[in-house]
Amino acid sequence: EKTLDPKTRSMITLAALTALTKPNQIKVHVRGAIANGVSVDEIRAVLMHSAIYAGVPAGVEAFNAAREVLADMGLDK
């Protein structure tokens, strides 16, 4: 039995990678999150919420990495 659906796992992964300041991994997992049904707005919300707890520098790294990938995918606003 699965306890976490892929969308929820993707959001948790992005939060953990933000806290660990792993922008290269965030880039990979943003693509996976989109594929798992996470919206661009949800990705932004996860990164913002994570930045509050992980610190602004980690949040800035995460946003920069995510922005690069979303622009590459044509999903930037």
Protein backbone atom coordinates (compact mmCIF):
# COMPACT_ATOMS: atom_id res chain seq x y z
CA GLU A 1 0.00 0.00 0.00
CA LYS A 2 1.30 3.42 -0.94
CA THR A 3 0.94 6.01 1.77
CA LEU A 4 2.11 9.01 -0.26
CA ASP A 5 1.02 9.72 -3.79
CA PRO A 6 3.66 10.82 -6.34
CA LYS A 7 2.54 14.46 -6.24
CA THR A 8 2.94 14.67 -2.46
CA ARG A 9 6.31 12.89 -2.61
CA SER A 10 7.52 15.38 -5.22
CA MET A 11 6.54 18.33 -3.03
CA ILE A 12 8.27 16.82 0.00
CA THR A 13 11.37 16.15 -2.08
CA LEU A 14 11.52 19.76 -3.26
CA ALA A 15 11.18 20.97 0.33
CA ALA A 16 13.97 18.67 1.55
CA LEU A 17 16.29 19.65 -1.30
CA THR A 18 15.63 23.31 -0.57
CA ALA A 19 16.56 22.79 3.08
CA LEU A 20 19.73 20.98 2.00
CA THR A 21 20.60 23.72 -0.54
CA LYS A 22 20.87 21.33 -3.49
CA PRO A 23 19.98 23.45 -6.55
CA ASN A 24 21.21 20.92 -9.11
CA GLN A 25 18.95 18.26 -7.63
CA ILE A 26 16.07 20.74 -7.43
CA LYS A 27 16.38 21.21 -11.19
CA VAL A 28 15.91 17.48 -11.75
CA HIS A 29 13.04 17.20 -9.31
CA VAL A 30 11.15 20.25 -10.63
CA ARG A 31 10.76 18.37 -13.91
CA GLY A 32 9.62 15.29 -11.99
CA ALA A 33 7.19 17.35 -9.92
CA ILE A 34 5.58 18.79 -13.05
CA ALA A 35 5.29 15.26 -14.45
CA ASN A 36 3.68 14.15 -11.18
CA GLY A 37 0.99 16.84 -11.38
CA VAL A 38 2.48 19.57 -9.20
CA SER A 39 1.52 22.98 -10.59
CA VAL A 40 3.94 25.87 -10.99
CA ASP A 41 2.06 27.74 -8.25
CA GLU A 42 2.37 24.73 -5.93
CA ILE A 43 6.12 24.53 -6.62
CA ARG A 44 6.45 28.21 -5.74
CA ALA A 45 4.44 27.69 -2.55
CA VAL A 46 6.59 24.72 -1.49
CA LEU A 47 9.80 26.66 -2.09
CA MET A 48 8.51 29.73 -0.24
CA HIS A 49 7.33 27.68 2.72
CA SER A 50 10.64 25.82 2.80
CA ALA A 51 12.62 29.05 2.66
CA ILE A 52 10.90 30.28 5.80
CA TYR A 53 12.21 27.28 7.73
CA ALA A 54 15.45 26.54 5.85
CA GLY A 55 16.57 30.15 5.50
CA VAL A 56 16.48 32.79 2.81
CA PRO A 57 19.79 31.83 1.12
CA ALA A 58 18.57 28.25 0.63
CA GLY A 59 15.25 29.56 -0.66
CA VAL A 60 16.93 31.89 -3.15
CA GLU A 61 19.02 28.99 -4.50
CA ALA A 62 15.88 26.88 -4.84
CA PHE A 63 13.91 29.60 -6.62
CA ASN A 64 16.76 30.29 -9.02
CA ALA A 65 17.09 26.60 -9.89
CA ALA A 66 13.35 26.13 -10.30
CA ARG A 67 12.99 29.30 -12.38
CA GLU A 68 15.69 28.08 -14.78
CA VAL A 69 13.97 24.74 -15.33
CA LEU A 70 10.46 26.18 -15.60
CA ALA A 71 11.68 28.71 -18.18
CA ASP A 72 13.33 25.87 -20.08
CA MET A 73 10.00 24.02 -20.04
CA GLY A 74 8.10 27.14 -21.16
CA LEU A 75 6.20 27.25 -17.87
CA ASP A 76 7.53 30.53 -16.50
CA LYS A 77 5.05 33.31 -15.89
